[in-house]
N, C-alpha and C. Protein backbone atom coordinates (compact mmCIF):
# COMPACT_ATOMS: atom_id res chain seq x y z
N MET A 1 68.31 -29.64 -134.81
CA MET A 1 68.62 -29.04 -136.09
C MET A 1 67.81 -29.65 -137.24
N ALA A 2 67.34 -30.87 -137.03
CA ALA A 2 66.66 -31.57 -138.12
C ALA A 2 65.40 -30.85 -138.58
N GLY A 3 64.79 -30.05 -137.73
CA GLY A 3 63.54 -29.40 -138.10
C GLY A 3 63.69 -28.03 -138.74
N ILE A 4 64.90 -27.62 -139.06
CA ILE A 4 65.10 -26.30 -139.65
C ILE A 4 64.63 -26.31 -141.10
N SER A 5 63.86 -25.30 -141.46
CA SER A 5 63.28 -25.21 -142.81
C SER A 5 64.15 -24.35 -143.72
N ASP A 6 63.88 -24.43 -145.00
CA ASP A 6 64.58 -23.59 -145.97
C ASP A 6 64.32 -22.11 -145.68
N ARG A 7 63.13 -21.80 -145.19
CA ARG A 7 62.81 -20.40 -144.83
C ARG A 7 63.67 -19.92 -143.67
N GLN A 8 63.86 -20.79 -142.69
CA GLN A 8 64.69 -20.41 -141.54
C GLN A 8 66.16 -20.24 -141.93
N ILE A 9 66.62 -21.01 -142.88
CA ILE A 9 68.02 -20.94 -143.32
C ILE A 9 68.36 -19.55 -143.83
N VAL A 10 67.44 -18.90 -144.52
CA VAL A 10 67.72 -17.58 -145.10
C VAL A 10 67.33 -16.44 -144.16
N ALA A 11 66.77 -16.77 -143.00
CA ALA A 11 66.40 -15.75 -142.01
C ALA A 11 67.66 -15.20 -141.35
N PRO A 12 67.61 -13.95 -140.90
CA PRO A 12 68.77 -13.38 -140.21
C PRO A 12 69.07 -14.14 -138.92
N SER A 13 70.34 -14.30 -138.64
CA SER A 13 70.76 -14.83 -137.34
C SER A 13 70.96 -13.63 -136.42
N ARG A 14 71.45 -13.87 -135.23
CA ARG A 14 71.74 -12.77 -134.31
C ARG A 14 73.10 -12.13 -134.61
N LEU A 15 73.82 -12.67 -135.57
CA LEU A 15 75.12 -12.12 -135.94
C LEU A 15 74.94 -11.13 -137.09
N PRO A 16 75.64 -10.00 -137.04
CA PRO A 16 75.50 -9.01 -138.10
C PRO A 16 75.84 -9.60 -139.47
N ALA A 17 74.96 -9.38 -140.43
CA ALA A 17 75.14 -9.76 -141.83
C ALA A 17 75.16 -11.27 -142.08
N TRP A 18 74.83 -12.08 -141.09
CA TRP A 18 74.80 -13.53 -141.27
C TRP A 18 73.37 -14.04 -141.12
N THR A 19 73.01 -14.96 -142.02
CA THR A 19 71.76 -15.68 -141.90
C THR A 19 71.99 -16.92 -141.03
N VAL A 20 70.92 -17.64 -140.76
CA VAL A 20 71.05 -18.91 -140.06
C VAL A 20 71.92 -19.85 -140.89
N GLY A 21 71.77 -19.80 -142.20
CA GLY A 21 72.60 -20.61 -143.10
C GLY A 21 74.08 -20.29 -142.98
N HIS A 22 74.42 -19.02 -142.82
CA HIS A 22 75.82 -18.64 -142.61
C HIS A 22 76.36 -19.26 -141.32
N ALA A 23 75.59 -19.13 -140.23
CA ALA A 23 76.06 -19.63 -138.93
C ALA A 23 76.23 -21.14 -138.96
N LEU A 24 75.28 -21.87 -139.56
CA LEU A 24 75.40 -23.32 -139.62
C LEU A 24 76.54 -23.77 -140.53
N THR A 25 76.71 -23.07 -141.65
CA THR A 25 77.82 -23.40 -142.54
C THR A 25 79.15 -23.11 -141.86
N HIS A 26 79.20 -22.03 -141.10
CA HIS A 26 80.41 -21.73 -140.33
C HIS A 26 80.72 -22.87 -139.36
N LEU A 27 79.70 -23.38 -138.67
CA LEU A 27 79.93 -24.48 -137.73
C LEU A 27 80.48 -25.72 -138.45
N ALA A 28 79.99 -25.98 -139.64
CA ALA A 28 80.50 -27.13 -140.41
C ALA A 28 81.95 -26.90 -140.82
N ARG A 29 82.25 -25.72 -141.33
CA ARG A 29 83.63 -25.44 -141.77
C ARG A 29 84.59 -25.35 -140.58
N ASN A 30 84.08 -24.89 -139.43
CA ASN A 30 84.89 -24.85 -138.22
C ASN A 30 85.26 -26.26 -137.78
N ALA A 31 84.30 -27.19 -137.87
CA ALA A 31 84.60 -28.59 -137.55
C ALA A 31 85.67 -29.12 -138.49
N ASP A 32 85.53 -28.81 -139.78
CA ASP A 32 86.55 -29.25 -140.75
C ASP A 32 87.91 -28.63 -140.44
N GLY A 33 87.91 -27.37 -139.99
CA GLY A 33 89.17 -26.71 -139.64
C GLY A 33 89.86 -27.37 -138.45
N HIS A 34 89.08 -27.68 -137.43
CA HIS A 34 89.64 -28.40 -136.28
C HIS A 34 90.15 -29.77 -136.71
N ALA A 35 89.38 -30.44 -137.57
CA ALA A 35 89.80 -31.77 -138.06
C ALA A 35 91.12 -31.65 -138.83
N ARG A 36 91.26 -30.62 -139.62
CA ARG A 36 92.51 -30.41 -140.38
C ARG A 36 93.69 -30.26 -139.41
N ARG A 37 93.52 -29.45 -138.39
CA ARG A 37 94.59 -29.25 -137.41
C ARG A 37 94.95 -30.55 -136.71
N LEU A 38 93.93 -31.29 -136.29
CA LEU A 38 94.18 -32.54 -135.58
C LEU A 38 94.81 -33.59 -136.49
N ARG A 39 94.32 -33.68 -137.72
CA ARG A 39 94.91 -34.64 -138.66
C ARG A 39 96.39 -34.31 -138.85
N GLY A 40 96.70 -33.02 -139.01
CA GLY A 40 98.09 -32.60 -139.14
C GLY A 40 98.91 -32.95 -137.91
N ALA A 41 98.37 -32.71 -136.74
CA ALA A 41 99.09 -33.02 -135.50
C ALA A 41 99.39 -34.51 -135.39
N LEU A 42 98.44 -35.33 -135.80
CA LEU A 42 98.65 -36.78 -135.76
C LEU A 42 99.77 -37.21 -136.71
N LEU A 43 99.96 -36.42 -137.76
CA LEU A 43 101.02 -36.71 -138.74
C LEU A 43 102.32 -35.94 -138.44
N GLY A 44 102.31 -35.17 -137.34
CA GLY A 44 103.48 -34.38 -136.98
C GLY A 44 103.62 -33.10 -137.78
N GLU A 45 102.52 -32.64 -138.35
CA GLU A 45 102.54 -31.41 -139.16
C GLU A 45 101.75 -30.31 -138.43
N ASP A 46 102.22 -29.08 -138.59
CA ASP A 46 101.56 -27.93 -137.99
C ASP A 46 100.74 -27.25 -139.08
N LEU A 47 99.44 -27.52 -139.09
CA LEU A 47 98.58 -27.01 -140.15
C LEU A 47 97.61 -25.97 -139.60
N PRO A 48 97.34 -24.92 -140.37
CA PRO A 48 96.32 -23.96 -139.94
C PRO A 48 94.93 -24.56 -140.12
N LYS A 49 93.96 -23.96 -139.46
CA LYS A 49 92.58 -24.43 -139.59
C LYS A 49 92.11 -24.38 -141.04
N TYR A 50 92.40 -23.28 -141.71
CA TYR A 50 91.93 -23.07 -143.07
C TYR A 50 93.16 -22.89 -143.96
N GLU A 51 93.32 -23.80 -144.91
CA GLU A 51 94.50 -23.78 -145.77
C GLU A 51 94.68 -22.42 -146.45
N GLY A 52 93.58 -21.83 -146.86
CA GLY A 52 93.63 -20.54 -147.54
C GLY A 52 93.43 -19.36 -146.60
N GLY A 53 93.55 -19.57 -145.30
CA GLY A 53 93.42 -18.49 -144.33
C GLY A 53 92.01 -17.97 -144.20
N SER A 54 91.90 -16.75 -143.67
CA SER A 54 90.57 -16.19 -143.40
C SER A 54 89.78 -15.93 -144.68
N ALA A 55 90.46 -15.65 -145.79
CA ALA A 55 89.75 -15.43 -147.05
C ALA A 55 89.01 -16.70 -147.47
N GLN A 56 89.66 -17.85 -147.32
CA GLN A 56 89.01 -19.12 -147.64
C GLN A 56 87.82 -19.34 -146.72
N ARG A 57 88.01 -19.07 -145.42
CA ARG A 57 86.94 -19.25 -144.44
C ARG A 57 85.71 -18.45 -144.84
N VAL A 58 85.90 -17.18 -145.13
CA VAL A 58 84.79 -16.30 -145.49
C VAL A 58 84.11 -16.79 -146.77
N GLN A 59 84.91 -17.14 -147.77
CA GLN A 59 84.35 -17.59 -149.05
C GLN A 59 83.53 -18.87 -148.89
N GLU A 60 84.04 -19.82 -148.13
CA GLU A 60 83.32 -21.08 -147.93
C GLU A 60 82.00 -20.87 -147.18
N ILE A 61 82.01 -19.97 -146.21
CA ILE A 61 80.78 -19.67 -145.48
C ILE A 61 79.76 -19.00 -146.40
N ASP A 62 80.22 -18.00 -147.15
CA ASP A 62 79.31 -17.31 -148.08
C ASP A 62 78.77 -18.26 -149.15
N ASP A 63 79.64 -19.11 -149.68
CA ASP A 63 79.22 -20.05 -150.73
C ASP A 63 78.22 -21.07 -150.21
N GLY A 64 78.34 -21.48 -148.96
CA GLY A 64 77.48 -22.53 -148.43
C GLY A 64 76.22 -22.07 -147.75
N ALA A 65 76.09 -20.78 -147.52
CA ALA A 65 75.00 -20.27 -146.68
C ALA A 65 73.61 -20.40 -147.28
N ALA A 66 73.50 -20.39 -148.60
CA ALA A 66 72.18 -20.39 -149.23
C ALA A 66 71.75 -21.76 -149.73
N ARG A 67 72.46 -22.79 -149.34
CA ARG A 67 72.06 -24.14 -149.74
C ARG A 67 70.74 -24.52 -149.06
N PRO A 68 70.06 -25.52 -149.56
CA PRO A 68 68.83 -25.98 -148.88
C PRO A 68 69.14 -26.45 -147.46
N ALA A 69 68.17 -26.32 -146.59
CA ALA A 69 68.35 -26.67 -145.18
C ALA A 69 68.85 -28.10 -145.01
N ALA A 70 68.26 -29.04 -145.72
CA ALA A 70 68.66 -30.45 -145.57
C ALA A 70 70.14 -30.64 -145.93
N GLU A 71 70.61 -29.94 -146.94
CA GLU A 71 72.01 -30.07 -147.34
C GLU A 71 72.94 -29.46 -146.29
N ILE A 72 72.57 -28.32 -145.74
CA ILE A 72 73.39 -27.67 -144.71
C ILE A 72 73.45 -28.54 -143.46
N ILE A 73 72.31 -29.09 -143.04
CA ILE A 73 72.27 -29.93 -141.84
C ILE A 73 73.07 -31.21 -142.06
N ALA A 74 72.95 -31.82 -143.23
CA ALA A 74 73.72 -33.03 -143.53
C ALA A 74 75.22 -32.73 -143.52
N ASP A 75 75.60 -31.58 -144.05
CA ASP A 75 77.01 -31.16 -144.06
C ASP A 75 77.51 -30.97 -142.63
N LEU A 76 76.70 -30.32 -141.80
CA LEU A 76 77.08 -30.09 -140.41
C LEU A 76 77.25 -31.42 -139.67
N HIS A 77 76.31 -32.33 -139.84
CA HIS A 77 76.41 -33.63 -139.17
C HIS A 77 77.64 -34.40 -139.65
N ALA A 78 77.91 -34.37 -140.95
CA ALA A 78 79.06 -35.11 -141.49
C ALA A 78 80.37 -34.52 -140.99
N SER A 79 80.48 -33.21 -140.98
CA SER A 79 81.72 -32.58 -140.52
C SER A 79 81.93 -32.83 -139.03
N GLN A 80 80.85 -32.78 -138.25
CA GLN A 80 80.95 -33.05 -136.81
C GLN A 80 81.35 -34.50 -136.56
N SER A 81 80.82 -35.41 -137.33
CA SER A 81 81.15 -36.83 -137.18
C SER A 81 82.63 -37.07 -137.48
N ARG A 82 83.13 -36.45 -138.56
CA ARG A 82 84.56 -36.59 -138.88
C ARG A 82 85.42 -36.04 -137.75
N LEU A 83 85.02 -34.90 -137.19
CA LEU A 83 85.78 -34.30 -136.10
C LEU A 83 85.74 -35.18 -134.86
N GLU A 84 84.60 -35.73 -134.52
CA GLU A 84 84.51 -36.61 -133.35
C GLU A 84 85.40 -37.84 -133.52
N ASP A 85 85.49 -38.36 -134.74
CA ASP A 85 86.40 -39.49 -135.00
C ASP A 85 87.85 -39.07 -134.74
N LEU A 86 88.20 -37.87 -135.15
CA LEU A 86 89.57 -37.39 -134.92
C LEU A 86 89.82 -37.07 -133.45
N PHE A 87 88.79 -36.60 -132.73
CA PHE A 87 88.94 -36.42 -131.28
C PHE A 87 89.28 -37.76 -130.63
N ALA A 88 88.56 -38.79 -131.01
CA ALA A 88 88.81 -40.12 -130.44
C ALA A 88 90.21 -40.61 -130.80
N GLU A 89 90.59 -40.45 -132.05
CA GLU A 89 91.93 -40.88 -132.49
C GLU A 89 93.03 -40.09 -131.77
N SER A 90 92.82 -38.79 -131.60
CA SER A 90 93.80 -37.94 -130.91
C SER A 90 93.91 -38.31 -129.45
N SER A 91 92.78 -38.63 -128.83
CA SER A 91 92.80 -39.03 -127.42
C SER A 91 93.59 -40.32 -127.23
N VAL A 92 93.37 -41.29 -128.11
CA VAL A 92 94.11 -42.55 -128.05
C VAL A 92 95.60 -42.30 -128.26
N ALA A 93 95.93 -41.34 -129.12
CA ALA A 93 97.33 -41.03 -129.43
C ALA A 93 97.97 -40.13 -128.37
N GLY A 94 97.20 -39.73 -127.35
CA GLY A 94 97.76 -38.88 -126.30
C GLY A 94 97.83 -37.41 -126.68
N TRP A 95 96.95 -36.98 -127.55
CA TRP A 95 96.92 -35.59 -127.99
C TRP A 95 98.30 -35.13 -128.45
N PRO A 96 98.73 -35.59 -129.62
CA PRO A 96 100.07 -35.30 -130.12
C PRO A 96 100.30 -33.81 -130.40
N SER A 97 101.56 -33.49 -130.55
CA SER A 97 102.00 -32.13 -130.90
C SER A 97 101.36 -31.09 -130.00
N PRO A 98 101.77 -31.03 -128.74
CA PRO A 98 101.12 -30.10 -127.81
C PRO A 98 101.37 -28.62 -128.11
N GLN A 99 102.31 -28.33 -129.01
CA GLN A 99 102.56 -26.92 -129.32
C GLN A 99 101.34 -26.31 -129.99
N ARG A 100 101.31 -25.01 -130.02
CA ARG A 100 100.22 -24.32 -130.68
C ARG A 100 100.30 -24.58 -132.17
N CYS A 101 99.15 -24.65 -132.78
CA CYS A 101 99.11 -24.83 -134.22
C CYS A 101 99.20 -23.46 -134.89
N GLU A 102 99.63 -23.47 -136.11
CA GLU A 102 99.84 -22.23 -136.85
C GLU A 102 98.64 -21.30 -136.75
N GLY A 103 98.89 -20.05 -136.37
CA GLY A 103 97.85 -19.05 -136.32
C GLY A 103 96.83 -19.23 -135.21
N SER A 104 97.15 -20.00 -134.19
CA SER A 104 96.19 -20.26 -133.13
C SER A 104 96.83 -20.04 -131.76
N SER A 105 95.98 -19.74 -130.79
CA SER A 105 96.46 -19.52 -129.43
C SER A 105 96.41 -20.79 -128.59
N TYR A 106 96.04 -21.92 -129.18
CA TYR A 106 95.94 -23.17 -128.43
C TYR A 106 96.36 -24.33 -129.32
N GLY A 107 96.82 -25.39 -128.68
CA GLY A 107 97.25 -26.57 -129.40
C GLY A 107 96.12 -27.57 -129.61
N PRO A 108 96.43 -28.71 -130.19
CA PRO A 108 95.42 -29.72 -130.48
C PRO A 108 94.60 -30.15 -129.25
N ARG A 109 95.23 -30.21 -128.09
CA ARG A 109 94.51 -30.61 -126.87
C ARG A 109 93.37 -29.64 -126.56
N GLY A 110 93.49 -28.39 -127.01
CA GLY A 110 92.45 -27.39 -126.76
C GLY A 110 91.31 -27.41 -127.76
N CYS A 111 91.44 -28.20 -128.82
CA CYS A 111 90.40 -28.22 -129.86
C CYS A 111 89.01 -28.60 -129.34
N PRO A 112 88.86 -29.64 -128.51
CA PRO A 112 87.50 -29.96 -128.06
C PRO A 112 86.82 -28.82 -127.30
N ALA A 113 87.53 -28.15 -126.42
CA ALA A 113 86.92 -27.05 -125.67
C ALA A 113 86.58 -25.88 -126.58
N HIS A 114 87.47 -25.58 -127.51
CA HIS A 114 87.20 -24.47 -128.42
C HIS A 114 86.08 -24.81 -129.40
N ARG A 115 85.96 -26.06 -129.76
CA ARG A 115 84.84 -26.49 -130.59
C ARG A 115 83.53 -26.35 -129.81
N LEU A 116 83.56 -26.74 -128.54
CA LEU A 116 82.37 -26.59 -127.70
C LEU A 116 81.93 -25.13 -127.65
N ARG A 117 82.89 -24.22 -127.52
CA ARG A 117 82.56 -22.79 -127.51
C ARG A 117 81.85 -22.41 -128.82
N GLU A 118 82.39 -22.82 -129.93
CA GLU A 118 81.77 -22.49 -131.22
C GLU A 118 80.33 -22.99 -131.28
N VAL A 119 80.13 -24.23 -130.88
CA VAL A 119 78.80 -24.83 -130.95
C VAL A 119 77.83 -24.10 -130.01
N GLU A 120 78.24 -23.88 -128.77
CA GLU A 120 77.34 -23.25 -127.80
C GLU A 120 77.03 -21.79 -128.16
N MET A 121 78.04 -21.02 -128.49
CA MET A 121 77.82 -19.61 -128.83
C MET A 121 76.95 -19.48 -130.08
N HIS A 122 77.30 -20.23 -131.11
CA HIS A 122 76.55 -20.09 -132.37
C HIS A 122 75.17 -20.73 -132.31
N HIS A 123 74.97 -21.67 -131.40
CA HIS A 123 73.62 -22.20 -131.20
C HIS A 123 72.70 -21.07 -130.75
N VAL A 124 73.19 -20.23 -129.84
CA VAL A 124 72.43 -19.06 -129.41
C VAL A 124 72.28 -18.08 -130.58
N ASP A 125 73.36 -17.88 -131.34
CA ASP A 125 73.33 -16.92 -132.46
C ASP A 125 72.29 -17.26 -133.52
N LEU A 126 71.90 -18.53 -133.61
CA LEU A 126 70.90 -18.92 -134.61
C LEU A 126 69.57 -18.21 -134.37
N GLY A 127 69.29 -17.87 -133.11
CA GLY A 127 68.03 -17.20 -132.80
C GLY A 127 66.82 -18.10 -132.95
N LEU A 128 67.01 -19.38 -132.69
CA LEU A 128 65.93 -20.35 -132.87
C LEU A 128 65.43 -20.94 -131.55
N GLY A 129 65.63 -20.21 -130.46
CA GLY A 129 65.09 -20.64 -129.18
C GLY A 129 66.11 -21.14 -128.16
N TYR A 130 67.33 -21.40 -128.59
CA TYR A 130 68.38 -21.83 -127.65
C TYR A 130 69.02 -20.56 -127.10
N GLU A 131 69.03 -20.42 -125.79
CA GLU A 131 69.49 -19.19 -125.14
C GLU A 131 70.66 -19.48 -124.20
N PRO A 132 71.37 -18.44 -123.74
CA PRO A 132 72.46 -18.67 -122.78
C PRO A 132 72.03 -19.45 -121.54
N ALA A 133 70.79 -19.34 -121.13
CA ALA A 133 70.30 -20.10 -119.98
C ALA A 133 70.39 -21.61 -120.22
N HIS A 134 70.48 -22.03 -121.47
CA HIS A 134 70.57 -23.45 -121.82
C HIS A 134 72.01 -23.96 -121.80
N TRP A 135 72.99 -23.08 -121.71
CA TRP A 135 74.39 -23.52 -121.73
C TRP A 135 74.66 -24.49 -120.58
N PRO A 136 75.38 -25.57 -120.84
CA PRO A 136 75.73 -26.52 -119.77
C PRO A 136 76.64 -25.87 -118.73
N ASP A 137 76.48 -26.27 -117.48
CA ASP A 137 77.28 -25.71 -116.39
C ASP A 137 78.78 -25.89 -116.62
N ASP A 138 79.19 -27.06 -117.11
CA ASP A 138 80.62 -27.31 -117.36
C ASP A 138 81.19 -26.33 -118.38
N TYR A 139 80.40 -26.06 -119.41
CA TYR A 139 80.84 -25.10 -120.43
C TYR A 139 80.99 -23.70 -119.81
N VAL A 140 79.99 -23.27 -119.07
CA VAL A 140 80.03 -21.93 -118.44
C VAL A 140 81.22 -21.83 -117.49
N ALA A 141 81.46 -22.86 -116.70
CA ALA A 141 82.57 -22.84 -115.74
C ALA A 141 83.90 -22.64 -116.45
N TRP A 142 84.07 -23.25 -117.61
CA TRP A 142 85.33 -23.10 -118.36
C TRP A 142 85.39 -21.76 -119.08
N ASP A 143 84.37 -21.46 -119.88
CA ASP A 143 84.49 -20.32 -120.79
C ASP A 143 84.27 -18.98 -120.12
N LEU A 144 83.56 -18.94 -119.02
CA LEU A 144 83.39 -17.67 -118.31
C LEU A 144 84.76 -17.14 -117.88
N ASP A 145 85.59 -18.00 -117.32
CA ASP A 145 86.94 -17.57 -116.92
C ASP A 145 87.74 -17.08 -118.12
N VAL A 146 87.63 -17.79 -119.23
CA VAL A 146 88.37 -17.40 -120.44
C VAL A 146 87.89 -16.03 -120.92
N LEU A 147 86.58 -15.86 -121.00
CA LEU A 147 86.05 -14.58 -121.49
C LEU A 147 86.33 -13.44 -120.53
N LEU A 148 86.26 -13.70 -119.22
CA LEU A 148 86.59 -12.64 -118.26
C LEU A 148 88.03 -12.17 -118.42
N SER A 149 88.91 -13.07 -118.80
CA SER A 149 90.31 -12.67 -118.98
C SER A 149 90.50 -11.72 -120.17
N THR A 150 89.51 -11.65 -121.06
CA THR A 150 89.61 -10.74 -122.22
C THR A 150 89.04 -9.35 -121.95
N VAL A 151 88.38 -9.18 -120.82
CA VAL A 151 87.69 -7.92 -120.53
C VAL A 151 88.63 -6.72 -120.54
N PRO A 152 89.78 -6.75 -119.86
CA PRO A 152 90.61 -5.54 -119.85
C PRO A 152 90.99 -5.03 -121.24
N GLU A 153 91.30 -5.92 -122.14
CA GLU A 153 91.69 -5.48 -123.48
C GLU A 153 90.50 -5.00 -124.31
N ARG A 154 89.30 -5.39 -123.91
CA ARG A 154 88.11 -4.98 -124.65
C ARG A 154 87.48 -3.70 -124.11
N LEU A 155 87.89 -3.28 -122.92
CA LEU A 155 87.45 -2.00 -122.36
C LEU A 155 88.56 -0.99 -122.61
N THR A 156 88.40 -0.18 -123.61
CA THR A 156 89.48 0.73 -124.00
C THR A 156 89.48 2.03 -123.21
N ASP A 157 88.37 2.40 -122.63
CA ASP A 157 88.27 3.63 -121.87
C ASP A 157 88.67 3.35 -120.41
N PRO A 158 89.71 4.01 -119.90
CA PRO A 158 90.14 3.77 -118.51
C PRO A 158 89.04 4.02 -117.48
N LEU A 159 88.17 4.97 -117.72
CA LEU A 159 87.08 5.23 -116.78
C LEU A 159 86.10 4.05 -116.74
N GLN A 160 85.83 3.45 -117.89
CA GLN A 160 84.93 2.30 -117.94
C GLN A 160 85.54 1.11 -117.19
N ARG A 161 86.85 0.97 -117.25
CA ARG A 161 87.52 -0.08 -116.48
C ARG A 161 87.28 0.11 -114.99
N ARG A 162 87.34 1.34 -114.55
CA ARG A 162 87.14 1.64 -113.14
C ARG A 162 85.71 1.32 -112.70
N TYR A 163 84.73 1.70 -113.53
CA TYR A 163 83.34 1.40 -113.22
C TYR A 163 83.11 -0.11 -113.16
N LEU A 164 83.72 -0.84 -114.09
CA LEU A 164 83.56 -2.29 -114.08
C LEU A 164 84.19 -2.89 -112.83
N MET A 165 85.37 -2.41 -112.47
CA MET A 165 86.01 -2.91 -111.24
C MET A 165 85.13 -2.67 -110.02
N ALA A 166 84.57 -1.48 -109.93
CA ALA A 166 83.71 -1.15 -108.79
C ALA A 166 82.50 -2.08 -108.76
N TRP A 167 81.91 -2.32 -109.91
CA TRP A 167 80.75 -3.20 -109.97
C TRP A 167 81.13 -4.64 -109.58
N LEU A 168 82.26 -5.13 -110.10
CA LEU A 168 82.71 -6.49 -109.76
C LEU A 168 83.00 -6.63 -108.27
N ALA A 169 83.44 -5.55 -107.65
CA ALA A 169 83.75 -5.59 -106.22
C ALA A 169 82.52 -5.29 -105.36
N GLY A 170 81.37 -5.11 -105.99
CA GLY A 170 80.15 -4.83 -105.24
C GLY A 170 80.11 -3.41 -104.70
N ARG A 171 80.77 -2.49 -105.40
CA ARG A 171 80.88 -1.11 -104.93
C ARG A 171 80.05 -0.14 -105.75
N GLY A 172 79.02 -0.64 -106.40
CA GLY A 172 78.14 0.25 -107.15
C GLY A 172 77.58 -0.44 -108.38
N PRO A 173 76.61 0.23 -108.98
CA PRO A 173 75.99 -0.33 -110.18
C PRO A 173 76.93 -0.19 -111.39
N LEU A 174 76.66 -0.98 -112.39
CA LEU A 174 77.40 -0.88 -113.64
C LEU A 174 76.68 0.13 -114.52
N PRO A 175 77.29 1.29 -114.79
CA PRO A 175 76.61 2.29 -115.62
C PRO A 175 76.28 1.74 -117.00
N SER A 176 75.16 2.15 -117.53
CA SER A 176 74.71 1.64 -118.83
C SER A 176 75.65 2.03 -119.97
N GLU A 177 76.44 3.07 -119.78
CA GLU A 177 77.34 3.50 -120.85
C GLU A 177 78.63 2.66 -120.93
N VAL A 178 78.83 1.77 -119.98
CA VAL A 178 80.00 0.90 -120.04
C VAL A 178 79.76 -0.11 -121.16
N SER A 179 80.68 -0.14 -122.10
CA SER A 179 80.55 -1.08 -123.21
C SER A 179 81.93 -1.61 -123.58
N MET A 180 81.92 -2.81 -124.13
CA MET A 180 83.17 -3.46 -124.53
C MET A 180 83.19 -3.67 -126.02
N ALA A 181 84.39 -3.72 -126.55
CA ALA A 181 84.54 -4.13 -127.94
C ALA A 181 84.09 -5.58 -128.05
N PRO A 182 83.55 -5.96 -129.18
CA PRO A 182 83.09 -7.35 -129.33
C PRO A 182 84.22 -8.35 -129.11
N TRP A 183 83.86 -9.50 -128.58
CA TRP A 183 84.82 -10.58 -128.39
C TRP A 183 84.95 -11.34 -129.69
N GLY A 184 86.13 -11.85 -129.91
CA GLY A 184 86.32 -12.73 -131.06
C GLY A 184 86.79 -12.06 -132.22
């Protein structure tokens, strides 16, 4: 990340309507959100990732996206460092408050894996040369199962579900018209 230029920051990412600066700022704010949840869990409080909800999340990403590259990278490193400190503290504390945190489908123990997903997916989204082929095997082994479990709800056409089942069972090709709603 250290070699990213100010020109690259304002370039489009692979995500609709987001620049590279948007994606990197999102990664920094996501780290802060996980840190907020973990800090709350350590104190016995159930806190959402973003105090102001999704509106705050969107505003902070938009506000931070056009900063100079060096500032965005420093912010990302600082937020990641704070989160790693809280991962260590949470691990020593036995991952407190195993219940789900407000507005989330996973508890504090799931934060490291979900953070890994954010980092790996958005690293590809930057469009700067990191591709799915670079994903670590351990990450793929975990998240492929998670993402496969979302397929039925993302295929809204019953016929497309049938074609996907046939393809998964080795009973024919996957027609090009089979498409899923975006994940996430």
